[in-house]
Amino acid sequence: MSQKKFLKAVDKVVNGLHQERAETQEMVKTFFKVLTKHLPKGKAPEDEEVQAAIEQLKDVHRMAGLLVFATLPGSVITLPAICALGKRYDIEFLPSAFRKEQEETKEP
């Protein structure tokens, strides 16, 4: 792998991590709203906010799983293999930030 490709791959990972962090912060805010809605004068979140927070919670679990595999020796081979296997059986291993980036690079 050339240095340019490696740096581009690292940049994609860093950008994806930044996006996941922002989405996770939004999820925490929404869940905080849910928890405080039972308090006096608490404002209930919108259904769309709750749904987005649930999806982000799924992404947190996906990210944790990927980090475990990323720390193992040979992760350069195992991570793409796991993702390819997941696609074959319609199982999503990548967090949404990484899926969005993949979809953007596929478009002409």
Protein backbone atom coordinates (compact mmCIF):
# COMPACT_ATOMS: atom_id res chain seq x y z
CA MET A 1 0.00 0.00 0.00
CA SER A 2 1.44 3.34 -0.97
CA GLN A 3 1.86 6.14 1.53
CA LYS A 4 -0.81 8.22 -0.23
CA LYS A 5 -3.37 5.42 -0.03
CA PHE A 6 -2.51 4.77 3.60
CA LEU A 7 -2.89 8.44 4.54
CA LYS A 8 -6.19 8.62 2.65
CA ALA A 9 -7.45 5.55 4.51
CA VAL A 10 -6.38 7.01 7.85
CA ASP A 11 -8.08 10.29 6.95
CA LYS A 12 -11.33 8.43 6.17
CA VAL A 13 -11.18 6.65 9.52
CA VAL A 14 -10.52 9.90 11.41
CA ASN A 15 -13.36 11.67 9.60
CA GLY A 16 -15.68 8.76 10.33
CA LEU A 17 -14.71 8.81 14.00
CA HIS A 18 -15.38 12.55 14.20
CA GLN A 19 -18.81 12.09 12.63
CA GLU A 20 -19.62 9.20 14.96
CA ARG A 21 -18.60 11.34 17.95
CA ALA A 22 -20.93 14.14 16.86
CA GLU A 23 -23.79 11.71 16.24
CA THR A 24 -23.19 10.07 19.63
CA GLN A 25 -23.32 13.45 21.35
CA GLU A 26 -26.68 14.09 19.68
CA MET A 27 -27.88 10.66 20.82
CA VAL A 28 -26.90 11.42 24.41
CA LYS A 29 -28.83 14.70 24.27
CA THR A 30 -31.92 12.91 22.98
CA PHE A 31 -31.75 10.19 25.61
CA PHE A 32 -31.29 12.88 28.25
CA LYS A 33 -34.50 14.48 26.98
CA VAL A 34 -36.27 11.13 27.28
CA LEU A 35 -35.05 10.69 30.83
CA THR A 36 -36.05 14.20 31.86
CA LYS A 37 -39.49 14.14 30.25
CA HIS A 38 -40.91 12.59 33.42
CA LEU A 39 -39.69 15.57 35.41
CA PRO A 40 -41.92 18.62 35.88
CA LYS A 41 -41.83 20.88 32.83
CA GLY A 42 -39.79 18.29 30.92
CA LYS A 43 -40.21 18.43 27.16
CA ALA A 44 -40.65 15.12 25.38
CA PRO A 45 -38.44 14.49 22.33
CA GLU A 46 -39.90 14.12 18.86
CA ASP A 47 -40.33 10.59 17.47
CA GLU A 48 -37.70 11.31 14.81
CA GLU A 49 -35.20 12.29 17.51
CA VAL A 50 -35.81 9.07 19.41
CA GLN A 51 -35.44 6.99 16.24
CA ALA A 52 -32.18 8.76 15.32
CA ALA A 53 -30.86 8.21 18.85
CA ILE A 54 -31.66 4.49 18.68
CA GLU A 55 -29.85 4.20 15.35
CA GLN A 56 -26.84 6.00 16.80
CA LEU A 57 -26.82 3.66 19.78
CA LYS A 58 -26.54 0.79 17.30
CA ASP A 59 -23.58 2.59 15.71
CA VAL A 60 -21.84 2.82 19.09
CA HIS A 61 -22.00 -0.95 19.39
CA ARG A 62 -20.76 -1.42 15.84
CA MET A 63 -17.85 0.93 16.48
CA ALA A 64 -16.91 -0.94 19.65
CA GLY A 65 -16.88 -4.22 17.74
CA LEU A 66 -14.74 -2.77 14.98
CA LEU A 67 -12.25 -1.39 17.48
CA VAL A 68 -11.82 -4.86 18.96
CA PHE A 69 -11.03 -6.31 15.53
CA ALA A 70 -8.82 -3.32 14.62
CA THR A 71 -6.52 -4.03 17.57
CA LEU A 72 -5.92 -7.63 16.56
CA PRO A 73 -2.89 -8.58 14.49
CA GLY A 74 -3.79 -8.90 10.82
CA SER A 75 -6.64 -6.44 11.04
CA VAL A 76 -5.78 -5.12 7.58
CA ILE A 77 -7.00 -8.46 6.24
CA THR A 78 -9.66 -9.42 8.78
CA LEU A 79 -11.65 -6.16 8.81
CA PRO A 80 -12.37 -6.09 5.05
CA ALA A 81 -13.11 -9.82 5.19
CA ILE A 82 -15.61 -9.35 8.02
CA CYS A 83 -17.30 -6.46 6.21
CA ALA A 84 -17.52 -8.49 2.99
CA LEU A 85 -18.95 -11.45 4.89
CA GLY A 86 -21.49 -9.15 6.54
CA LYS A 87 -22.60 -7.78 3.15
CA ARG A 88 -23.03 -11.32 1.87
CA TYR A 89 -25.41 -12.18 4.71
CA ASP A 90 -26.97 -8.70 4.92
CA ILE A 91 -25.42 -7.91 8.31
CA GLU A 92 -24.17 -4.37 8.82
CA PHE A 93 -20.88 -4.10 10.70
CA LEU A 94 -19.93 -0.56 9.73
CA PRO A 95 -21.29 2.47 11.58
CA SER A 96 -23.43 4.83 9.51
CA ALA A 97 -20.65 7.40 9.06
CA PHE A 98 -18.52 4.83 7.24
CA ARG A 99 -21.45 3.53 5.18
CA LYS A 100 -22.26 7.07 4.01
CA GLU A 101 -18.66 7.54 2.91
CA GLN A 102 -18.70 4.26 0.99
CA GLU A 103 -21.93 5.25 -0.78
CA GLU A 104 -20.46 8.64 -1.74
CA THR A 105 -17.34 7.05 -3.25
CA LYS A 106 -19.46 4.61 -5.31
CA GLU A 107 -21.40 7.39 -7.03
CA PRO A 108 -19.90 8.59 -10.36
